[in-house]
Amino acid sequence: MANQPRDFPYTTHLDVYYRQLELIDVAALAAACTHRWYNQTLCRVNDSVVRLGVVQGEYHWHKHDAEDEFFYVVTASS
């Protein structure tokens, strides 16, 4: 089937990168990213996780039926 995750060169890290109340420089993380599609779990907030996604170009449509999701989108000129 087309448009499955294996069809895209995603780099996904599910490990929690920062501790509670640790300062996160999101702009620096995004600027340092060398992948076209990159996803890093940054921290935990209660029973949820906060992830940084760096996406260049189109990202395939998908959904997670069993989870609530929140997207905070920041765009940058290239």
PDB file of N, CA and C in Angstrom:
ATOM      1  N   MET A   1       0.851  -1.187   0.000  1.00  0.00           N
ATOM      2  CA  MET A   1       0.000   0.000   0.000  1.00  0.00           C
ATOM      3  C   MET A   1       0.890   1.241   0.000  1.00  0.00           C
ATOM      4  N   ALA A   2       0.592   2.208  -0.821  1.00  0.00           N
ATOM      5  CA  ALA A   2       1.376   3.445  -0.904  1.00  0.00           C
ATOM      6  C   ALA A   2       1.163   4.318   0.329  1.00  0.00           C
ATOM      7  N   ASN A   3       2.079   5.225   0.534  1.00  0.00           N
ATOM      8  CA  ASN A   3       2.021   6.203   1.626  1.00  0.00           C
ATOM      9  C   ASN A   3       2.083   5.576   3.014  1.00  0.00           C
ATOM     10  N   GLN A   4       2.767   4.489   3.142  1.00  0.00           N
ATOM     11  CA  GLN A   4       3.030   3.903   4.447  1.00  0.00           C
ATOM     12  C   GLN A   4       4.315   4.525   4.984  1.00  0.00           C
ATOM     13  N   PRO A   5       4.503   4.573   6.310  1.00  0.00           N
ATOM     14  CA  PRO A   5       5.704   5.179   6.882  1.00  0.00           C
ATOM     15  C   PRO A   5       7.004   4.659   6.287  1.00  0.00           C
ATOM     16  N   ARG A   6       7.069   3.405   5.891  1.00  0.00           N
ATOM     17  CA  ARG A   6       8.309   2.877   5.323  1.00  0.00           C
ATOM     18  C   ARG A   6       8.642   3.535   3.984  1.00  0.00           C
ATOM     19  N   ASP A   7       7.659   4.190   3.356  1.00  0.00           N
ATOM     20  CA  ASP A   7       7.875   4.860   2.077  1.00  0.00           C
ATOM     21  C   ASP A   7       8.534   6.222   2.237  1.00  0.00           C
ATOM     22  N   PHE A   8       8.686   6.694   3.454  1.00  0.00           N
ATOM     23  CA  PHE A   8       9.204   8.027   3.709  1.00  0.00           C
ATOM     24  C   PHE A   8      10.447   7.930   4.589  1.00  0.00           C
ATOM     25  N   PRO A   9      11.447   8.761   4.374  1.00  0.00           N
ATOM     26  CA  PRO A   9      12.693   8.693   5.165  1.00  0.00           C
ATOM     27  C   PRO A   9      12.583   9.432   6.493  1.00  0.00           C
ATOM     28  N   TYR A  10      11.707   8.992   7.372  1.00  0.00           N
ATOM     29  CA  TYR A  10      11.508   9.650   8.657  1.00  0.00           C
ATOM     30  C   TYR A  10      12.611   9.283   9.642  1.00  0.00           C
ATOM     31  N   THR A  11      12.959  10.220  10.476  1.00  0.00           N
ATOM     32  CA  THR A  11      13.842   9.973  11.602  1.00  0.00           C
ATOM     33  C   THR A  11      13.023  10.285  12.846  1.00  0.00           C
ATOM     34  N   THR A  12      12.708   9.259  13.640  1.00  0.00           N
ATOM     35  CA  THR A  12      11.838   9.425  14.801  1.00  0.00           C
ATOM     36  C   THR A  12      12.538   8.921  16.056  1.00  0.00           C
ATOM     37  N   HIS A  13      12.582   9.771  17.081  1.00  0.00           N
ATOM     38  CA  HIS A  13      13.192   9.424  18.359  1.00  0.00           C
ATOM     39  C   HIS A  13      12.126   9.540  19.447  1.00  0.00           C
ATOM     40  N   LEU A  14      11.771   8.428  20.068  1.00  0.00           N
ATOM     41  CA  LEU A  14      10.715   8.417  21.071  1.00  0.00           C
ATOM     42  C   LEU A  14      11.243   8.583  22.493  1.00  0.00           C
ATOM     43  N   ASP A  15      12.562   8.583  22.666  1.00  0.00           N
ATOM     44  CA  ASP A  15      13.138   8.784  23.993  1.00  0.00           C
ATOM     45  C   ASP A  15      12.896  10.222  24.454  1.00  0.00           C
ATOM     46  N   VAL A  16      12.685  10.408  25.738  1.00  0.00           N
ATOM     47  CA  VAL A  16      12.441  11.749  26.297  1.00  0.00           C
ATOM     48  C   VAL A  16      13.795  12.438  26.452  1.00  0.00           C
ATOM     49  N   TYR A  17      13.963  13.574  25.775  1.00  0.00           N
ATOM     50  CA  TYR A  17      15.254  14.246  25.667  1.00  0.00           C
ATOM     51  C   TYR A  17      15.546  15.210  26.821  1.00  0.00           C
ATOM     52  N   TYR A  18      14.515  15.808  27.416  1.00  0.00           N
ATOM     53  CA  TYR A  18      14.687  16.806  28.473  1.00  0.00           C
ATOM     54  C   TYR A  18      13.938  16.411  29.738  1.00  0.00           C
ATOM     55  N   ARG A  19      14.477  16.840  30.875  1.00  0.00           N
ATOM     56  CA  ARG A  19      13.841  16.598  32.170  1.00  0.00           C
ATOM     57  C   ARG A  19      12.787  17.684  32.440  1.00  0.00           C
ATOM     58  N   GLN A  20      11.990  17.448  33.443  1.00  0.00           N
ATOM     59  CA  GLN A  20      10.969  18.400  33.862  1.00  0.00           C
ATOM     60  C   GLN A  20      11.614  19.761  34.175  1.00  0.00           C
ATOM     61  N   LEU A  21      11.010  20.830  33.685  1.00  0.00           N
ATOM     62  CA  LEU A  21      11.413  22.223  33.898  1.00  0.00           C
ATOM     63  C   LEU A  21      12.747  22.602  33.273  1.00  0.00           C
ATOM     64  N   GLU A  22      13.320  21.740  32.459  1.00  0.00           N
ATOM     65  CA  GLU A  22      14.563  22.069  31.766  1.00  0.00           C
ATOM     66  C   GLU A  22      14.245  22.984  30.580  1.00  0.00           C
ATOM     67  N   LEU A  23      15.044  24.021  30.380  1.00  0.00           N
ATOM     68  CA  LEU A  23      14.852  24.975  29.289  1.00  0.00           C
ATOM     69  C   LEU A  23      15.146  24.303  27.954  1.00  0.00           C
ATOM     70  N   ILE A  24      14.256  24.505  26.990  1.00  0.00           N
ATOM     71  CA  ILE A  24      14.409  23.897  25.666  1.00  0.00           C
ATOM     72  C   ILE A  24      14.493  25.013  24.630  1.00  0.00           C
ATOM     73  N   ASP A  25      15.580  25.057  23.884  1.00  0.00           N
ATOM     74  CA  ASP A  25      15.758  26.043  22.817  1.00  0.00           C
ATOM     75  C   ASP A  25      15.285  25.396  21.512  1.00  0.00           C
ATOM     76  N   VAL A  26      13.999  25.507  21.241  1.00  0.00           N
ATOM     77  CA  VAL A  26      13.393  24.852  20.079  1.00  0.00           C
ATOM     78  C   VAL A  26      14.000  25.368  18.781  1.00  0.00           C
ATOM     79  N   ALA A  27      14.226  26.671  18.689  1.00  0.00           N
ATOM     80  CA  ALA A  27      14.803  27.247  17.469  1.00  0.00           C
ATOM     81  C   ALA A  27      16.181  26.654  17.184  1.00  0.00           C
ATOM     82  N   ALA A  28      16.991  26.496  18.208  1.00  0.00           N
ATOM     83  CA  ALA A  28      18.329  25.927  18.017  1.00  0.00           C
ATOM     84  C   ALA A  28      18.237  24.461  17.592  1.00  0.00           C
ATOM     85  N   LEU A  29      17.319  23.709  18.187  1.00  0.00           N
ATOM     86  CA  LEU A  29      17.146  22.305  17.809  1.00  0.00           C
ATOM     87  C   LEU A  29      16.723  22.181  16.350  1.00  0.00           C
ATOM     88  N   ALA A  30      15.762  22.998  15.950  1.00  0.00           N
ATOM     89  CA  ALA A  30      15.287  22.958  14.564  1.00  0.00           C
ATOM     90  C   ALA A  30      16.385  23.375  13.592  1.00  0.00           C
ATOM     91  N   ALA A  31      17.144  24.409  13.948  1.00  0.00           N
ATOM     92  CA  ALA A  31      18.219  24.898  13.075  1.00  0.00           C
ATOM     93  C   ALA A  31      19.325  23.857  12.908  1.00  0.00           C
ATOM     94  N   ALA A  32      19.560  23.061  13.931  1.00  0.00           N
ATOM     95  CA  ALA A  32      20.620  22.058  13.884  1.00  0.00           C
ATOM     96  C   ALA A  32      20.198  20.778  13.171  1.00  0.00           C
ATOM     97  N   CYS A  33      18.931  20.647  12.878  1.00  0.00           N
ATOM     98  CA  CYS A  33      18.414  19.428  12.268  1.00  0.00           C
ATOM     99  C   CYS A  33      18.918  19.286  10.833  1.00  0.00           C
ATOM    100  N   THR A  34      19.381  18.086  10.488  1.00  0.00           N
ATOM    101  CA  THR A  34      19.881  17.827   9.132  1.00  0.00           C
ATOM    102  C   THR A  34      18.974  16.868   8.355  1.00  0.00           C
ATOM    103  N   HIS A  35      17.866  16.459   8.960  1.00  0.00           N
ATOM    104  CA  HIS A  35      16.935  15.527   8.319  1.00  0.00           C
ATOM    105  C   HIS A  35      15.745  16.287   7.739  1.00  0.00           C
ATOM    106  N   ARG A  36      15.196  15.802   6.635  1.00  0.00           N
ATOM    107  CA  ARG A  36      14.017  16.438   6.035  1.00  0.00           C
ATOM    108  C   ARG A  36      12.773  16.198   6.867  1.00  0.00           C
ATOM    109  N   TRP A  37      12.661  15.029   7.487  1.00  0.00           N
ATOM    110  CA  TRP A  37      11.525  14.693   8.344  1.00  0.00           C
ATOM    111  C   TRP A  37      12.080  14.138   9.652  1.00  0.00           C
ATOM    112  N   TYR A  38      11.995  14.939  10.699  1.00  0.00           N
ATOM    113  CA  TYR A  38      12.626  14.602  11.973  1.00  0.00           C
ATOM    114  C   TYR A  38      11.616  14.782  13.098  1.00  0.00           C
ATOM    115  N   ASN A  39      11.571  13.834  14.007  1.00  0.00           N
ATOM    116  CA  ASN A  39      10.643  13.884  15.126  1.00  0.00           C
ATOM    117  C   ASN A  39      11.389  13.457  16.378  1.00  0.00           C
ATOM    118  N   GLN A  40      11.411  14.331  17.395  1.00  0.00           N
ATOM    119  CA  GLN A  40      12.092  14.038  18.657  1.00  0.00           C
ATOM    120  C   GLN A  40      11.154  14.318  19.812  1.00  0.00           C
ATOM    121  N   THR A  41      10.980  13.351  20.702  1.00  0.00           N
ATOM    122  CA  THR A  41      10.227  13.584  21.924  1.00  0.00           C
ATOM    123  C   THR A  41      11.078  14.472  22.818  1.00  0.00           C
ATOM    124  N   LEU A  42      10.529  15.613  23.210  1.00  0.00           N
ATOM    125  CA  LEU A  42      11.288  16.568  24.021  1.00  0.00           C
ATOM    126  C   LEU A  42      11.120  16.328  25.510  1.00  0.00           C
ATOM    127  N   CYS A  43       9.859  16.232  25.972  1.00  0.00           N
ATOM    128  CA  CYS A  43       9.628  16.105  27.411  1.00  0.00           C
ATOM    129  C   CYS A  43       8.250  15.515  27.665  1.00  0.00           C
ATOM    130  N   ARG A  44       8.005  15.198  28.929  1.00  0.00           N
ATOM    131  CA  ARG A  44       6.695  14.719  29.368  1.00  0.00           C
ATOM    132  C   ARG A  44       5.953  15.850  30.061  1.00  0.00           C
ATOM    133  N   VAL A  45       4.653  15.909  29.857  1.00  0.00           N
ATOM    134  CA  VAL A  45       3.765  16.822  30.576  1.00  0.00           C
ATOM    135  C   VAL A  45       2.585  15.976  31.034  1.00  0.00           C
ATOM    136  N   ASN A  46       2.557  15.676  32.321  1.00  0.00           N
ATOM    137  CA  ASN A  46       1.547  14.772  32.878  1.00  0.00           C
ATOM    138  C   ASN A  46       1.578  13.442  32.128  1.00  0.00           C
ATOM    139  N   ASP A  47       0.474  13.037  31.524  1.00  0.00           N
ATOM    140  CA  ASP A  47       0.428  11.765  30.807  1.00  0.00           C
ATOM    141  C   ASP A  47       0.695  11.916  29.312  1.00  0.00           C
ATOM    142  N   SER A  48       1.194  13.067  28.903  1.00  0.00           N
ATOM    143  CA  SER A  48       1.437  13.340  27.488  1.00  0.00           C
ATOM    144  C   SER A  48       2.915  13.578  27.233  1.00  0.00           C
ATOM    145  N   VAL A  49       3.288  13.587  25.973  1.00  0.00           N
ATOM    146  CA  VAL A  49       4.645  13.948  25.593  1.00  0.00           C
ATOM    147  C   VAL A  49       4.584  15.125  24.628  1.00  0.00           C
ATOM    148  N   VAL A  50       5.650  15.910  24.616  1.00  0.00           N
ATOM    149  CA  VAL A  50       5.791  17.034  23.689  1.00  0.00           C
ATOM    150  C   VAL A  50       6.885  16.652  22.708  1.00  0.00           C
ATOM    151  N   ARG A  51       6.590  16.765  21.430  1.00  0.00           N
ATOM    152  CA  ARG A  51       7.565  16.376  20.407  1.00  0.00           C
ATOM    153  C   ARG A  51       7.871  17.546  19.484  1.00  0.00           C
ATOM    154  N   LEU A  52       9.106  17.577  19.024  1.00  0.00           N
ATOM    155  CA  LEU A  52       9.528  18.520  18.000  1.00  0.00           C
ATOM    156  C   LEU A  52       9.492  17.782  16.675  1.00  0.00           C
ATOM    157  N   GLY A  53       8.798  18.346  15.714  1.00  0.00           N
ATOM    158  CA  GLY A  53       8.784  17.787  14.372  1.00  0.00           C
ATOM    159  C   GLY A  53       9.337  18.815  13.406  1.00  0.00           C
ATOM    160  N   VAL A  54      10.360  18.449  12.674  1.00  0.00           N
ATOM    161  CA  VAL A  54      10.917  19.316  11.635  1.00  0.00           C
ATOM    162  C   VAL A  54      10.552  18.657  10.318  1.00  0.00           C
ATOM    163  N   VAL A  55       9.810  19.380   9.497  1.00  0.00           N
ATOM    164  CA  VAL A  55       9.296  18.819   8.255  1.00  0.00           C
ATOM    165  C   VAL A  55       9.619  19.759   7.106  1.00  0.00           C
ATOM    166  N   GLN A  56      10.225  19.230   6.072  1.00  0.00           N
ATOM    167  CA  GLN A  56      10.483  20.001   4.857  1.00  0.00           C
ATOM    168  C   GLN A  56       9.686  19.352   3.730  1.00  0.00           C
ATOM    169  N   GLY A  57       8.809  20.111   3.127  1.00  0.00           N
ATOM    170  CA  GLY A  57       7.971  19.564   2.071  1.00  0.00           C
ATOM    171  C   GLY A  57       6.723  18.936   2.645  1.00  0.00           C
ATOM    172  N   GLU A  58       6.026  18.188   1.815  1.00  0.00           N
ATOM    173  CA  GLU A  58       4.772  17.573   2.241  1.00  0.00           C
ATOM    174  C   GLU A  58       5.026  16.412   3.184  1.00  0.00           C
ATOM    175  N   TYR A  59       4.110  16.233   4.118  1.00  0.00           N
ATOM    176  CA  TYR A  59       4.147  15.115   5.061  1.00  0.00           C
ATOM    177  C   TYR A  59       2.886  14.311   4.822  1.00  0.00           C
ATOM    178  N   HIS A  60       2.999  13.020   4.715  1.00  0.00           N
ATOM    179  CA  HIS A  60       1.824  12.209   4.376  1.00  0.00           C
ATOM    180  C   HIS A  60       0.739  12.322   5.455  1.00  0.00           C
ATOM    181  N   TRP A  61      -0.490  12.288   5.036  1.00  0.00           N
ATOM    182  CA  TRP A  61      -1.622  12.356   5.950  1.00  0.00           C
ATOM    183  C   TRP A  61      -1.712  11.055   6.724  1.00  0.00           C
ATOM    184  N   HIS A  62      -1.899  11.178   8.031  1.00  0.00           N
ATOM    185  CA  HIS A  62      -2.127  10.015   8.877  1.00  0.00           C
ATOM    186  C   HIS A  62      -2.851  10.479  10.128  1.00  0.00           C
ATOM    187  N   LYS A  63      -3.333   9.534  10.920  1.00  0.00           N
ATOM    188  CA  LYS A  63      -4.028   9.897  12.155  1.00  0.00           C
ATOM    189  C   LYS A  63      -3.788   8.826  13.198  1.00  0.00           C
ATOM    190  N   HIS A  64      -4.044   9.202  14.442  1.00  0.00           N
ATOM    191  CA  HIS A  64      -3.900   8.304  15.574  1.00  0.00           C
ATOM    192  C   HIS A  64      -5.242   8.290  16.301  1.00  0.00           C
ATOM    193  N   ASP A  65      -6.041   7.275  16.062  1.00  0.00           N
ATOM    194  CA  ASP A  65      -7.396   7.223  16.604  1.00  0.00           C
ATOM    195  C   ASP A  65      -7.452   7.129  18.119  1.00  0.00           C
ATOM    196  N   ALA A  66      -6.427   6.557  18.747  1.00  0.00           N
ATOM    197  CA  ALA A  66      -6.476   6.312  20.187  1.00  0.00           C
ATOM    198  C   ALA A  66      -5.776   7.405  21.003  1.00  0.00           C
ATOM    199  N   GLU A  67      -5.338   8.477  20.358  1.00  0.00           N
ATOM    200  CA  GLU A  67      -4.594   9.512  21.069  1.00  0.00           C
ATOM    201  C   GLU A  67      -5.098  10.904  20.712  1.00  0.00           C
ATOM    202  N   ASP A  68      -5.020  11.804  21.695  1.00  0.00           N
ATOM    203  CA  ASP A  68      -5.257  13.216  21.428  1.00  0.00           C
ATOM    204  C   ASP A  68      -3.937  13.815  20.988  1.00  0.00           C
ATOM    205  N   GLU A  69      -3.989  14.762  20.057  1.00  0.00           N
ATOM    206  CA  GLU A  69      -2.765  15.380  19.577  1.00  0.00           C
ATOM    207  C   GLU A  69      -2.914  16.892  19.544  1.00  0.00           C
ATOM    208  N   PHE A  70      -1.820  17.549  19.780  1.00  0.00           N
ATOM    209  CA  PHE A  70      -1.741  19.006  19.730  1.00  0.00           C
ATOM    210  C   PHE A  70      -0.524  19.345  18.894  1.00  0.00           C
ATOM    211  N   PHE A  71      -0.684  20.241  17.931  1.00  0.00           N
ATOM    212  CA  PHE A  71       0.430  20.654  17.080  1.00  0.00           C
ATOM    213  C   PHE A  71       0.672  22.140  17.248  1.00  0.00           C
ATOM    214  N   TYR A  72       1.861  22.490  17.591  1.00  0.00           N
ATOM    215  CA  TYR A  72       2.314  23.879  17.649  1.00  0.00           C
ATOM    216  C   TYR A  72       3.261  24.042  16.473  1.00  0.00           C
ATOM    217  N   VAL A  73       2.850  24.813  15.483  1.00  0.00           N
ATOM    218  CA  VAL A  73       3.582  24.884  14.225  1.00  0.00           C
ATOM    219  C   VAL A  73       4.307  26.212  14.131  1.00  0.00           C
ATOM    220  N   VAL A  74       5.594  26.140  13.845  1.00  0.00           N
ATOM    221  CA  VAL A  74       6.421  27.318  13.628  1.00  0.00           C
ATOM    222  C   VAL A  74       7.031  27.162  12.243  1.00  0.00           C
ATOM    223  N   THR A  75       6.897  28.157  11.424  1.00  0.00           N
ATOM    224  CA  THR A  75       7.483  28.076  10.091  1.00  0.00           C
ATOM    225  C   THR A  75       8.721  28.959  10.033  1.00  0.00           C
ATOM    226  N   ALA A  76       9.638  28.559   9.199  1.00  0.00           N
ATOM    227  CA  ALA A  76      10.871  29.325   9.013  1.00  0.00           C
ATOM    228  C   ALA A  76      11.143  29.452   7.527  1.00  0.00           C
ATOM    229  N   SER A  77      11.644  30.584   7.129  1.00  0.00           N
ATOM    230  CA  SER A  77      12.009  30.747   5.733  1.00  0.00           C
ATOM    231  C   SER A  77      13.353  30.078   5.516  1.00  0.00           C
ATOM    232  N   SER A  78      13.526  29.529   4.333  1.00  0.00           N
ATOM    233  CA  SER A  78      14.783  28.815   4.058  1.00  0.00           C
ATOM    234  C   SER A  78      15.760  29.668   3.311  1.00  0.00           C
TER     235      SER A  78
END
